[in-house]
């Protein structure tokens, strides 16, 4: 993988937000949920989809803080317009585990 500069890193805007709503996304190719995420006063609420339905239930997602890239252009995923890219890591089975802060932090906080 190519090295990047610190300025390259600064161009990726990764923020914390709290999931306010999660529902099944049956039109997705892999098990997924539609998510509504509150990124605070500056960015507001954004929508996304995430292929996380193997390890999570919608009820346990509401109130969970997650990290997401917020400066990609919106992308149409089936009937959903995804506004942010929620970040996760594959476990040993290839299922996605969400990345989140280990303590509560203000919504909209930028990763550094």
PDB file of N, CA and C in Angstrom:
ATOM      1  N   UNK A   1       0.837  -1.172   0.000  1.00  0.00           N
ATOM      2  CA  UNK A   1       0.000   0.000   0.000  1.00  0.00           C
ATOM      3  C   UNK A   1       0.889   1.246   0.000  1.00  0.00           C
ATOM      4  N   UNK A   2       0.485   2.236  -0.756  1.00  0.00           N
ATOM      5  CA  UNK A   2       1.267   3.460  -0.864  1.00  0.00           C
ATOM      6  C   UNK A   2       1.184   4.288   0.417  1.00  0.00           C
ATOM      7  N   UNK A   3       2.292   4.926   0.773  1.00  0.00           N
ATOM      8  CA  UNK A   3       2.292   5.844   1.905  1.00  0.00           C
ATOM      9  C   UNK A   3       1.542   7.107   1.526  1.00  0.00           C
ATOM     10  N   UNK A   4       0.936   7.744   2.529  1.00  0.00           N
ATOM     11  CA  UNK A   4       0.275   9.023   2.311  1.00  0.00           C
ATOM     12  C   UNK A   4       0.948  10.060   3.198  1.00  0.00           C
ATOM     13  N   UNK A   5       0.673  11.305   2.905  1.00  0.00           N
ATOM     14  CA  UNK A   5       1.212  12.386   3.725  1.00  0.00           C
ATOM     15  C   UNK A   5       0.207  12.730   4.817  1.00  0.00           C
ATOM     16  N   UNK A   6       0.656  13.504   5.780  1.00  0.00           N
ATOM     17  CA  UNK A   6      -0.244  13.964   6.838  1.00  0.00           C
ATOM     18  C   UNK A   6      -1.368  14.802   6.233  1.00  0.00           C
ATOM     19  N   UNK A   7      -1.047  15.595   5.223  1.00  0.00           N
ATOM     20  CA  UNK A   7      -2.080  16.405   4.557  1.00  0.00           C
ATOM     21  C   UNK A   7      -3.128  15.523   3.893  1.00  0.00           C
ATOM     22  N   UNK A   8      -2.707  14.373   3.331  1.00  0.00           N
ATOM     23  CA  UNK A   8      -3.681  13.432   2.769  1.00  0.00           C
ATOM     24  C   UNK A   8      -4.652  12.976   3.859  1.00  0.00           C
ATOM     25  N   UNK A   9      -4.114  12.619   5.013  1.00  0.00           N
ATOM     26  CA  UNK A   9      -4.938  12.178   6.140  1.00  0.00           C
ATOM     27  C   UNK A   9      -5.925  13.267   6.548  1.00  0.00           C
ATOM     28  N   UNK A  10      -5.467  14.518   6.589  1.00  0.00           N
ATOM     29  CA  UNK A  10      -6.341  15.617   6.999  1.00  0.00           C
ATOM     30  C   UNK A  10      -7.506  15.831   6.034  1.00  0.00           C
ATOM     31  N   UNK A  11      -7.368  15.361   4.799  1.00  0.00           N
ATOM     32  CA  UNK A  11      -8.456  15.500   3.823  1.00  0.00           C
ATOM     33  C   UNK A  11      -9.609  14.536   4.073  1.00  0.00           C
ATOM     34  N   UNK A  12      -9.387  13.518   4.888  1.00  0.00           N
ATOM     35  CA  UNK A  12     -10.450  12.569   5.220  1.00  0.00           C
ATOM     36  C   UNK A  12     -11.091  13.034   6.524  1.00  0.00           C
ATOM     37  N   UNK A  13     -12.356  13.436   6.454  1.00  0.00           N
ATOM     38  CA  UNK A  13     -13.061  13.971   7.614  1.00  0.00           C
ATOM     39  C   UNK A  13     -13.828  12.834   8.296  1.00  0.00           C
ATOM     40  N   UNK A  14     -13.265  12.319   9.389  1.00  0.00           N
ATOM     41  CA  UNK A  14     -13.872  11.224  10.135  1.00  0.00           C
ATOM     42  C   UNK A  14     -14.420  11.799  11.432  1.00  0.00           C
ATOM     43  N   UNK A  15     -15.728  11.615  11.627  1.00  0.00           N
ATOM     44  CA  UNK A  15     -16.405  12.186  12.798  1.00  0.00           C
ATOM     45  C   UNK A  15     -17.164  11.108  13.564  1.00  0.00           C
ATOM     46  N   UNK A  16     -17.473  11.422  14.810  1.00  0.00           N
ATOM     47  CA  UNK A  16     -18.289  10.546  15.640  1.00  0.00           C
ATOM     48  C   UNK A  16     -19.738  11.014  15.588  1.00  0.00           C
ATOM     49  N   UNK A  17     -20.636  10.045  15.553  1.00  0.00           N
ATOM     50  CA  UNK A  17     -22.062  10.340  15.589  1.00  0.00           C
ATOM     51  C   UNK A  17     -22.795   9.256  16.355  1.00  0.00           C
ATOM     52  N   UNK A  18     -24.010   9.569  16.764  1.00  0.00           N
ATOM     53  CA  UNK A  18     -24.836   8.621  17.504  1.00  0.00           C
ATOM     54  C   UNK A  18     -25.979   8.135  16.622  1.00  0.00           C
ATOM     55  N   UNK A  19     -26.129   6.826  16.540  1.00  0.00           N
ATOM     56  CA  UNK A  19     -27.220   6.249  15.745  1.00  0.00           C
ATOM     57  C   UNK A  19     -28.537   6.559  16.447  1.00  0.00           C
ATOM     58  N   UNK A  20     -29.448   7.214  15.716  1.00  0.00           N
ATOM     59  CA  UNK A  20     -30.747   7.580  16.278  1.00  0.00           C
ATOM     60  C   UNK A  20     -31.859   6.650  15.801  1.00  0.00           C
ATOM     61  N   UNK A  21     -31.603   5.965  14.688  1.00  0.00           N
ATOM     62  CA  UNK A  21     -32.615   5.063  14.117  1.00  0.00           C
ATOM     63  C   UNK A  21     -31.897   4.021  13.277  1.00  0.00           C
ATOM     64  N   UNK A  22     -32.381   2.781  13.334  1.00  0.00           N
ATOM     65  CA  UNK A  22     -31.821   1.697  12.523  1.00  0.00           C
ATOM     66  C   UNK A  22     -32.965   0.782  12.109  1.00  0.00           C
ATOM     67  N   UNK A  23     -32.970   0.422  10.829  1.00  0.00           N
ATOM     68  CA  UNK A  23     -34.018  -0.483  10.357  1.00  0.00           C
ATOM     69  C   UNK A  23     -33.448  -1.406   9.290  1.00  0.00           C
ATOM     70  N   UNK A  24     -34.049  -2.588   9.119  1.00  0.00           N
ATOM     71  CA  UNK A  24     -33.570  -3.519   8.101  1.00  0.00           C
ATOM     72  C   UNK A  24     -33.581  -2.903   6.707  1.00  0.00           C
ATOM     73  N   UNK A  25     -32.645  -3.324   5.883  1.00  0.00           N
ATOM     74  CA  UNK A  25     -32.510  -2.864   4.500  1.00  0.00           C
ATOM     75  C   UNK A  25     -32.544  -4.111   3.615  1.00  0.00           C
ATOM     76  N   UNK A  26     -33.750  -4.675   3.395  1.00  0.00           N
ATOM     77  CA  UNK A  26     -33.857  -5.947   2.688  1.00  0.00           C
ATOM     78  C   UNK A  26     -33.415  -5.895   1.221  1.00  0.00           C
ATOM     79  N   UNK A  27     -33.352  -4.724   0.612  1.00  0.00           N
ATOM     80  CA  UNK A  27     -32.939  -4.602  -0.785  1.00  0.00           C
ATOM     81  C   UNK A  27     -31.427  -4.733  -0.968  1.00  0.00           C
ATOM     82  N   UNK A  28     -30.674  -4.689   0.105  1.00  0.00           N
ATOM     83  CA  UNK A  28     -29.208  -4.781   0.016  1.00  0.00           C
ATOM     84  C   UNK A  28     -28.790  -6.193  -0.385  1.00  0.00           C
ATOM     85  N   UNK A  29     -27.636  -6.282  -1.062  1.00  0.00           N
ATOM     86  CA  UNK A  29     -27.118  -7.589  -1.494  1.00  0.00           C
ATOM     87  C   UNK A  29     -26.671  -8.457  -0.326  1.00  0.00           C
ATOM     88  N   UNK A  30     -26.084  -7.848   0.692  1.00  0.00           N
ATOM     89  CA  UNK A  30     -25.669  -8.561   1.904  1.00  0.00           C
ATOM     90  C   UNK A  30     -26.516  -8.029   3.055  1.00  0.00           C
ATOM     91  N   UNK A  31     -26.670  -8.801   4.144  1.00  0.00           N
ATOM     92  CA  UNK A  31     -27.483  -8.335   5.272  1.00  0.00           C
ATOM     93  C   UNK A  31     -27.034  -6.952   5.755  1.00  0.00           C
ATOM     94  N   UNK A  32     -27.968  -6.002   5.732  1.00  0.00           N
ATOM     95  CA  UNK A  32     -27.619  -4.614   6.031  1.00  0.00           C
ATOM     96  C   UNK A  32     -28.756  -3.905   6.758  1.00  0.00           C
ATOM     97  N   UNK A  33     -28.409  -2.751   7.321  1.00  0.00           N
ATOM     98  CA  UNK A  33     -29.377  -1.866   7.947  1.00  0.00           C
ATOM     99  C   UNK A  33     -29.271  -0.474   7.335  1.00  0.00           C
ATOM    100  N   UNK A  34     -30.383   0.236   7.331  1.00  0.00           N
ATOM    101  CA  UNK A  34     -30.380   1.674   7.060  1.00  0.00           C
ATOM    102  C   UNK A  34     -30.177   2.352   8.405  1.00  0.00           C
ATOM    103  N   UNK A  35     -29.312   3.355   8.438  1.00  0.00           N
ATOM    104  CA  UNK A  35     -28.990   4.048   9.676  1.00  0.00           C
ATOM    105  C   UNK A  35     -29.213   5.546   9.544  1.00  0.00           C
ATOM    106  N   UNK A  36     -29.670   6.161  10.610  1.00  0.00           N
ATOM    107  CA  UNK A  36     -29.744   7.613  10.731  1.00  0.00           C
ATOM    108  C   UNK A  36     -28.815   7.959  11.880  1.00  0.00           C
ATOM    109  N   UNK A  37     -27.873   8.862  11.624  1.00  0.00           N
ATOM    110  CA  UNK A  37     -26.807   9.143  12.594  1.00  0.00           C
ATOM    111  C   UNK A  37     -26.741  10.645  12.859  1.00  0.00           C
ATOM    112  N   UNK A  38     -26.768  11.010  14.129  1.00  0.00           N
ATOM    113  CA  UNK A  38     -26.686  12.410  14.548  1.00  0.00           C
ATOM    114  C   UNK A  38     -25.222  12.793  14.727  1.00  0.00           C
ATOM    115  N   UNK A  39     -24.760  13.750  13.906  1.00  0.00           N
ATOM    116  CA  UNK A  39     -23.387  14.238  13.972  1.00  0.00           C
ATOM    117  C   UNK A  39     -23.295  15.618  14.621  1.00  0.00           C
ATOM    118  N   UNK A  40     -24.288  16.005  15.401  1.00  0.00           N
ATOM    119  CA  UNK A  40     -24.238  17.266  16.117  1.00  0.00           C
ATOM    120  C   UNK A  40     -24.735  18.440  15.292  1.00  0.00           C
ATOM    121  N   UNK A  41     -24.664  19.620  15.897  1.00  0.00           N
ATOM    122  CA  UNK A  41     -25.232  20.826  15.305  1.00  0.00           C
ATOM    123  C   UNK A  41     -24.608  21.205  13.965  1.00  0.00           C
ATOM    124  N   UNK A  42     -23.307  21.033  13.820  1.00  0.00           N
ATOM    125  CA  UNK A  42     -22.627  21.464  12.585  1.00  0.00           C
ATOM    126  C   UNK A  42     -23.044  20.636  11.373  1.00  0.00           C
ATOM    127  N   UNK A  43     -23.133  19.326  11.517  1.00  0.00           N
ATOM    128  CA  UNK A  43     -23.430  18.442  10.385  1.00  0.00           C
ATOM    129  C   UNK A  43     -24.858  17.916  10.384  1.00  0.00           C
ATOM    130  N   UNK A  44     -25.488  17.857  11.535  1.00  0.00           N
ATOM    131  CA  UNK A  44     -26.859  17.360  11.617  1.00  0.00           C
ATOM    132  C   UNK A  44     -26.947  15.847  11.476  1.00  0.00           C
ATOM    133  N   UNK A  45     -28.136  15.387  11.118  1.00  0.00           N
ATOM    134  CA  UNK A  45     -28.375  13.957  10.964  1.00  0.00           C
ATOM    135  C   UNK A  45     -28.095  13.540   9.527  1.00  0.00           C
ATOM    136  N   UNK A  46     -27.388  12.427   9.364  1.00  0.00           N
ATOM    137  CA  UNK A  46     -27.038  11.887   8.055  1.00  0.00           C
ATOM    138  C   UNK A  46     -27.527  10.449   7.967  1.00  0.00           C
ATOM    139  N   UNK A  47     -27.801  10.002   6.738  1.00  0.00           N
ATOM    140  CA  UNK A  47     -28.248   8.634   6.502  1.00  0.00           C
ATOM    141  C   UNK A  47     -27.119   7.805   5.901  1.00  0.00           C
ATOM    142  N   UNK A  48     -27.182   6.511   6.182  1.00  0.00           N
ATOM    143  CA  UNK A  48     -26.202   5.596   5.618  1.00  0.00           C
ATOM    144  C   UNK A  48     -26.808   4.201   5.592  1.00  0.00           C
ATOM    145  N   UNK A  49     -26.109   3.304   4.933  1.00  0.00           N
ATOM    146  CA  UNK A  49     -26.442   1.888   5.040  1.00  0.00           C
ATOM    147  C   UNK A  49     -25.159   1.186   5.459  1.00  0.00           C
ATOM    148  N   UNK A  50     -25.321   0.093   6.182  1.00  0.00           N
ATOM    149  CA  UNK A  50     -24.147  -0.628   6.658  1.00  0.00           C
ATOM    150  C   UNK A  50     -24.454  -2.122   6.670  1.00  0.00           C
ATOM    151  N   UNK A  51     -23.506  -2.886   6.173  1.00  0.00           N
ATOM    152  CA  UNK A  51     -23.653  -4.345   6.114  1.00  0.00           C
ATOM    153  C   UNK A  51     -23.220  -4.955   7.446  1.00  0.00           C
ATOM    154  N   UNK A  52     -24.040  -4.726   8.452  1.00  0.00           N
ATOM    155  CA  UNK A  52     -23.701  -5.128   9.816  1.00  0.00           C
ATOM    156  C   UNK A  52     -24.770  -6.006  10.451  1.00  0.00           C
ATOM    157  N   UNK A  53     -25.732  -6.478   9.657  1.00  0.00           N
ATOM    158  CA  UNK A  53     -26.892  -7.198  10.201  1.00  0.00           C
ATOM    159  C   UNK A  53     -26.549  -8.570  10.766  1.00  0.00           C
ATOM    160  N   UNK A  54     -25.373  -9.108  10.466  1.00  0.00           N
ATOM    161  CA  UNK A  54     -24.995 -10.409  11.020  1.00  0.00           C
ATOM    162  C   UNK A  54     -24.686 -10.291  12.515  1.00  0.00           C
ATOM    163  N   UNK A  55     -24.022  -9.219  12.908  1.00  0.00           N
ATOM    164  CA  UNK A  55     -23.573  -9.082  14.301  1.00  0.00           C
ATOM    165  C   UNK A  55     -24.421  -8.157  15.165  1.00  0.00           C
ATOM    166  N   UNK A  56     -25.309  -7.372  14.560  1.00  0.00           N
ATOM    167  CA  UNK A  56     -26.064  -6.373  15.316  1.00  0.00           C
ATOM    168  C   UNK A  56     -27.556  -6.505  15.045  1.00  0.00           C
ATOM    169  N   UNK A  57     -28.357  -6.029  16.008  1.00  0.00           N
ATOM    170  CA  UNK A  57     -29.803  -5.893  15.861  1.00  0.00           C
ATOM    171  C   UNK A  57     -30.125  -4.409  15.865  1.00  0.00           C
ATOM    172  N   UNK A  58     -31.176  -3.991  15.149  1.00  0.00           N
ATOM    173  CA  UNK A  58     -31.502  -2.557  15.130  1.00  0.00           C
ATOM    174  C   UNK A  58     -31.664  -1.951  16.519  1.00  0.00           C
ATOM    175  N   UNK A  59     -32.308  -2.669  17.431  1.00  0.00           N
ATOM    176  CA  UNK A  59     -32.544  -2.117  18.768  1.00  0.00           C
ATOM    177  C   UNK A  59     -31.251  -1.830  19.522  1.00  0.00           C
ATOM    178  N   UNK A  60     -30.241  -2.665  19.345  1.00  0.00           N
ATOM    179  CA  UNK A  60     -28.992  -2.454  20.079  1.00  0.00           C
ATOM    180  C   UNK A  60     -28.140  -1.363  19.437  1.00  0.00           C
ATOM    181  N   UNK A  61     -28.472  -0.954  18.217  1.00  0.00           N
ATOM    182  CA  UNK A  61     -27.703   0.090  17.536  1.00  0.00           C
ATOM    183  C   UNK A  61     -28.123   1.494  17.960  1.00  0.00           C
ATOM    184  N   UNK A  62     -29.397   1.683  18.268  1.00  0.00           N
ATOM    185  CA  UNK A  62     -29.881   3.015  18.641  1.00  0.00           C
ATOM    186  C   UNK A  62     -29.176   3.459  19.916  1.00  0.00           C
ATOM    187  N   UNK A  63     -28.554   4.636  19.850  1.00  0.00           N
ATOM    188  CA  UNK A  63     -27.793   5.185  20.964  1.00  0.00           C
ATOM    189  C   UNK A  63     -26.305   4.875  20.898  1.00  0.00           C
ATOM    190  N   UNK A  64     -25.899   4.013  19.972  1.00  0.00           N
ATOM    191  CA  UNK A  64     -24.482   3.645  19.832  1.00  0.00           C
ATOM    192  C   UNK A  64     -23.735   4.724  19.062  1.00  0.00           C
ATOM    193  N   UNK A  65     -22.566   5.089  19.556  1.00  0.00           N
ATOM    194  CA  UNK A  65     -21.719   6.033  18.827  1.00  0.00           C
ATOM    195  C   UNK A  65     -20.835   5.270  17.850  1.00  0.00           C
ATOM    196  N   UNK A  66     -20.695   5.817  16.646  1.00  0.00           N
ATOM    197  CA  UNK A  66     -19.888   5.199  15.593  1.00  0.00           C
ATOM    198  C   UNK A  66     -19.022   6.255  14.930  1.00  0.00           C
ATOM    199  N   UNK A  67     -18.000   5.790  14.238  1.00  0.00           N
ATOM    200  CA  UNK A  67     -17.135   6.672  13.463  1.00  0.00           C
ATOM    201  C   UNK A  67     -17.526   6.553  11.998  1.00  0.00           C
ATOM    202  N   UNK A  68     -17.474   7.674  11.278  1.00  0.00           N
ATOM    203  CA  UNK A  68     -17.856   7.662   9.873  1.00  0.00           C
ATOM    204  C   UNK A  68     -17.096   8.735   9.096  1.00  0.00           C
ATOM    205  N   UNK A  69     -16.823   8.440   7.833  1.00  0.00           N
ATOM    206  CA  UNK A  69     -16.275   9.443   6.916  1.00  0.00           C
ATOM    207  C   UNK A  69     -17.456  10.291   6.466  1.00  0.00           C
ATOM    208  N   UNK A  70     -17.367  11.601   6.685  1.00  0.00           N
ATOM    209  CA  UNK A  70     -18.504  12.481   6.395  1.00  0.00           C
ATOM    210  C   UNK A  70     -18.295  13.370   5.172  1.00  0.00           C
ATOM    211  N   UNK A  71     -17.137  13.271   4.525  1.00  0.00           N
ATOM    212  CA  UNK A  71     -16.905  14.171   3.389  1.00  0.00           C
ATOM    213  C   UNK A  71     -16.804  13.452   2.046  1.00  0.00           C
ATOM    214  N   UNK A  72     -17.387  12.251   1.942  1.00  0.00           N
ATOM    215  CA  UNK A  72     -17.575  11.631   0.633  1.00  0.00           C
ATOM    216  C   UNK A  72     -18.834  12.228   0.008  1.00  0.00           C
ATOM    217  N   UNK A  73     -18.916  12.261  -1.322  1.00  0.00           N
ATOM    218  CA  UNK A  73     -20.189  12.685  -1.918  1.00  0.00           C
ATOM    219  C   UNK A  73     -21.257  11.624  -1.657  1.00  0.00           C
ATOM    220  N   UNK A  74     -22.532  12.014  -1.577  1.00  0.00           N
ATOM    221  CA  UNK A  74     -23.600  11.031  -1.385  1.00  0.00           C
ATOM    222  C   UNK A  74     -23.558   9.966  -2.477  1.00  0.00           C
ATOM    223  N   UNK A  75     -23.954   8.734  -2.094  1.00  0.00           N
ATOM    224  CA  UNK A  75     -23.907   7.615  -3.030  1.00  0.00           C
ATOM    225  C   UNK A  75     -25.221   6.843  -2.962  1.00  0.00           C
ATOM    226  N   UNK A  76     -25.800   6.602  -4.126  1.00  0.00           N
ATOM    227  CA  UNK A  76     -27.044   5.846  -4.192  1.00  0.00           C
ATOM    228  C   UNK A  76     -26.753   4.362  -4.022  1.00  0.00           C
ATOM    229  N   UNK A  77     -27.371   3.739  -3.014  1.00  0.00           N
ATOM    230  CA  UNK A  77     -27.235   2.305  -2.777  1.00  0.00           C
ATOM    231  C   UNK A  77     -28.652   1.743  -2.792  1.00  0.00           C
ATOM    232  N   UNK A  78     -29.057   1.208  -3.930  1.00  0.00           N
ATOM    233  CA  UNK A  78     -30.441   0.770  -4.091  1.00  0.00           C
ATOM    234  C   UNK A  78     -31.352   1.967  -3.891  1.00  0.00           C
ATOM    235  N   UNK A  79     -32.384   1.822  -3.064  1.00  0.00           N
ATOM    236  CA  UNK A  79     -33.296   2.952  -2.839  1.00  0.00           C
ATOM    237  C   UNK A  79     -32.798   3.948  -1.784  1.00  0.00           C
ATOM    238  N   UNK A  80     -31.597   3.725  -1.239  1.00  0.00           N
ATOM    239  CA  UNK A  80     -31.072   4.563  -0.156  1.00  0.00           C
ATOM    240  C   UNK A  80     -29.965   5.475  -0.683  1.00  0.00           C
ATOM    241  N   UNK A  81     -30.037   6.762  -0.316  1.00  0.00           N
ATOM    242  CA  UNK A  81     -28.954   7.694  -0.605  1.00  0.00           C
ATOM    243  C   UNK A  81     -28.070   7.734   0.636  1.00  0.00           C
ATOM    244  N   UNK A  82     -26.883   7.129   0.530  1.00  0.00           N
ATOM    245  CA  UNK A  82     -25.957   7.074   1.647  1.00  0.00           C
ATOM    246  C   UNK A  82     -25.138   8.362   1.676  1.00  0.00           C
ATOM    247  N   UNK A  83     -25.167   9.047   2.813  1.00  0.00           N
ATOM    248  CA  UNK A  83     -24.496  10.345   2.942  1.00  0.00           C
ATOM    249  C   UNK A  83     -23.156  10.255   3.657  1.00  0.00           C
ATOM    250  N   UNK A  84     -22.916   9.177   4.384  1.00  0.00           N
ATOM    251  CA  UNK A  84     -21.656   8.983   5.109  1.00  0.00           C
ATOM    252  C   UNK A  84     -21.249   7.518   5.001  1.00  0.00           C
ATOM    253  N   UNK A  85     -19.963   7.252   5.222  1.00  0.00           N
ATOM    254  CA  UNK A  85     -19.445   5.886   5.233  1.00  0.00           C
ATOM    255  C   UNK A  85     -19.127   5.510   6.673  1.00  0.00           C
ATOM    256  N   UNK A  86     -19.955   4.636   7.237  1.00  0.00           N
ATOM    257  CA  UNK A  86     -19.737   4.155   8.603  1.00  0.00           C
ATOM    258  C   UNK A  86     -18.554   3.191   8.575  1.00  0.00           C
ATOM    259  N   UNK A  87     -17.658   3.332   9.548  1.00  0.00           N
ATOM    260  CA  UNK A  87     -16.424   2.551   9.549  1.00  0.00           C
ATOM    261  C   UNK A  87     -16.519   1.308  10.423  1.00  0.00           C
ATOM    262  N   UNK A  88     -15.890   0.244   9.959  1.00  0.00           N
ATOM    263  CA  UNK A  88     -15.855  -1.003  10.694  1.00  0.00           C
ATOM    264  C   UNK A  88     -14.658  -1.831  10.276  1.00  0.00           C
ATOM    265  N   UNK A  89     -14.477  -2.943  10.970  1.00  0.00           N
ATOM    266  CA  UNK A  89     -13.373  -3.867  10.716  1.00  0.00           C
ATOM    267  C   UNK A  89     -13.964  -5.263  10.619  1.00  0.00           C
ATOM    268  N   UNK A  90     -13.445  -6.068   9.694  1.00  0.00           N
ATOM    269  CA  UNK A  90     -13.916  -7.446   9.560  1.00  0.00           C
ATOM    270  C   UNK A  90     -13.390  -8.308  10.697  1.00  0.00           C
ATOM    271  N   UNK A  91     -14.271  -9.155  11.248  1.00  0.00           N
ATOM    272  CA  UNK A  91     -13.817 -10.118  12.248  1.00  0.00           C
ATOM    273  C   UNK A  91     -13.283 -11.363  11.535  1.00  0.00           C
ATOM    274  N   UNK A  92     -12.997 -12.417  12.304  1.00  0.00           N
ATOM    275  CA  UNK A  92     -12.405 -13.623  11.723  1.00  0.00           C
ATOM    276  C   UNK A  92     -13.319 -14.316  10.715  1.00  0.00           C
ATOM    277  N   UNK A  93     -14.628 -14.008  10.747  1.00  0.00           N
ATOM    278  CA  UNK A  93     -15.570 -14.591   9.791  1.00  0.00           C
ATOM    279  C   UNK A  93     -15.892 -13.663   8.624  1.00  0.00           C
ATOM    280  N   UNK A  94     -15.300 -12.472   8.622  1.00  0.00           N
ATOM    281  CA  UNK A  94     -15.572 -11.503   7.570  1.00  0.00           C
ATOM    282  C   UNK A  94     -16.774 -10.617   7.859  1.00  0.00           C
ATOM    283  N   UNK A  95     -17.363 -10.746   9.041  1.00  0.00           N
ATOM    284  CA  UNK A  95     -18.491  -9.904   9.428  1.00  0.00           C
ATOM    285  C   UNK A  95     -17.963  -8.583   9.990  1.00  0.00           C
ATOM    286  N   UNK A  96     -18.721  -7.517   9.776  1.00  0.00           N
ATOM    287  CA  UNK A  96     -18.254  -6.171  10.132  1.00  0.00           C
ATOM    288  C   UNK A  96     -18.552  -5.829  11.589  1.00  0.00           C
ATOM    289  N   UNK A  97     -17.503  -5.399  12.296  1.00  0.00           N
ATOM    290  CA  UNK A  97     -17.590  -4.894  13.663  1.00  0.00           C
ATOM    291  C   UNK A  97     -17.407  -3.381  13.579  1.00  0.00           C
ATOM    292  N   UNK A  98     -18.363  -2.644  14.106  1.00  0.00           N
ATOM    293  CA  UNK A  98     -18.308  -1.180  14.033  1.00  0.00           C
ATOM    294  C   UNK A  98     -17.164  -0.608  14.858  1.00  0.00           C
ATOM    295  N   UNK A  99     -16.613   0.499  14.372  1.00  0.00           N
ATOM    296  CA  UNK A  99     -15.589   1.241  15.107  1.00  0.00           C
ATOM    297  C   UNK A  99     -16.290   2.348  15.881  1.00  0.00           C
ATOM    298  N   UNK A 100     -16.055   2.388  17.193  1.00  0.00           N
ATOM    299  CA  UNK A 100     -16.673   3.416  18.015  1.00  0.00           C
ATOM    300  C   UNK A 100     -15.749   3.803  19.156  1.00  0.00           C
ATOM    301  N   UNK A 101     -15.921   5.023  19.678  1.00  0.00           N
ATOM    302  CA  UNK A 101     -15.087   5.435  20.808  1.00  0.00           C
ATOM    303  C   UNK A 101     -15.409   4.571  22.030  1.00  0.00           C
ATOM    304  N   UNK A 102     -14.423   4.376  22.908  1.00  0.00           N
ATOM    305  CA  UNK A 102     -14.657   3.554  24.085  1.00  0.00           C
ATOM    306  C   UNK A 102     -15.261   4.342  25.245  1.00  0.00           C
ATOM    307  N   UNK A 103     -15.469   5.648  25.040  1.00  0.00           N
ATOM    308  CA  UNK A 103     -16.157   6.513  25.997  1.00  0.00           C
ATOM    309  C   UNK A 103     -17.063   7.448  25.218  1.00  0.00           C
ATOM    310  N   UNK A 104     -18.133   7.902  25.857  1.00  0.00           N
ATOM    311  CA  UNK A 104     -19.013   8.864  25.201  1.00  0.00           C
ATOM    312  C   UNK A 104     -18.288  10.175  24.915  1.00  0.00           C
ATOM    313  N   UNK A 105     -18.455  10.669  23.711  1.00  0.00           N
ATOM    314  CA  UNK A 105     -17.853  11.945  23.302  1.00  0.00           C
ATOM    315  C   UNK A 105     -18.922  12.762  22.580  1.00  0.00           C
ATOM    316  N   UNK A 106     -18.735  14.076  22.443  1.00  0.00           N
ATOM    317  CA  UNK A 106     -19.738  14.897  21.772  1.00  0.00           C
ATOM    318  C   UNK A 106     -19.882  14.493  20.288  1.00  0.00           C
ATOM    319  N   UNK A 107     -21.127  14.413  19.835  1.00  0.00           N
ATOM    320  CA  UNK A 107     -21.384  14.142  18.427  1.00  0.00           C
ATOM    321  C   UNK A 107     -20.727  15.207  17.555  1.00  0.00           C
ATOM    322  N   UNK A 108     -20.166  14.765  16.454  1.00  0.00           N
ATOM    323  CA  UNK A 108     -19.518  15.678  15.516  1.00  0.00           C
ATOM    324  C   UNK A 108     -18.035  15.828  15.768  1.00  0.00           C
ATOM    325  N   UNK A 109     -17.520  15.250  16.854  1.00  0.00           N
ATOM    326  CA  UNK A 109     -16.089  15.347  17.138  1.00  0.00           C
ATOM    327  C   UNK A 109     -15.279  14.687  16.030  1.00  0.00           C
ATOM    328  N   UNK A 110     -14.218  15.350  15.637  1.00  0.00           N
ATOM    329  CA  UNK A 110     -13.374  14.848  14.541  1.00  0.00           C
ATOM    330  C   UNK A 110     -12.264  13.949  15.076  1.00  0.00           C
ATOM    331  N   UNK A 111     -12.019  12.867  14.346  1.00  0.00           N
ATOM    332  CA  UNK A 111     -10.930  11.974  14.711  1.00  0.00           C
ATOM    333  C   UNK A 111      -9.599  12.641  14.384  1.00  0.00           C
ATOM    334  N   UNK A 112      -8.635  12.499  15.287  1.00  0.00           N
ATOM    335  CA  UNK A 112      -7.281  12.957  15.008  1.00  0.00           C
ATOM    336  C   UNK A 112      -6.292  11.925  15.442  1.00  0.00           C
TER     337      UNK A 112
END
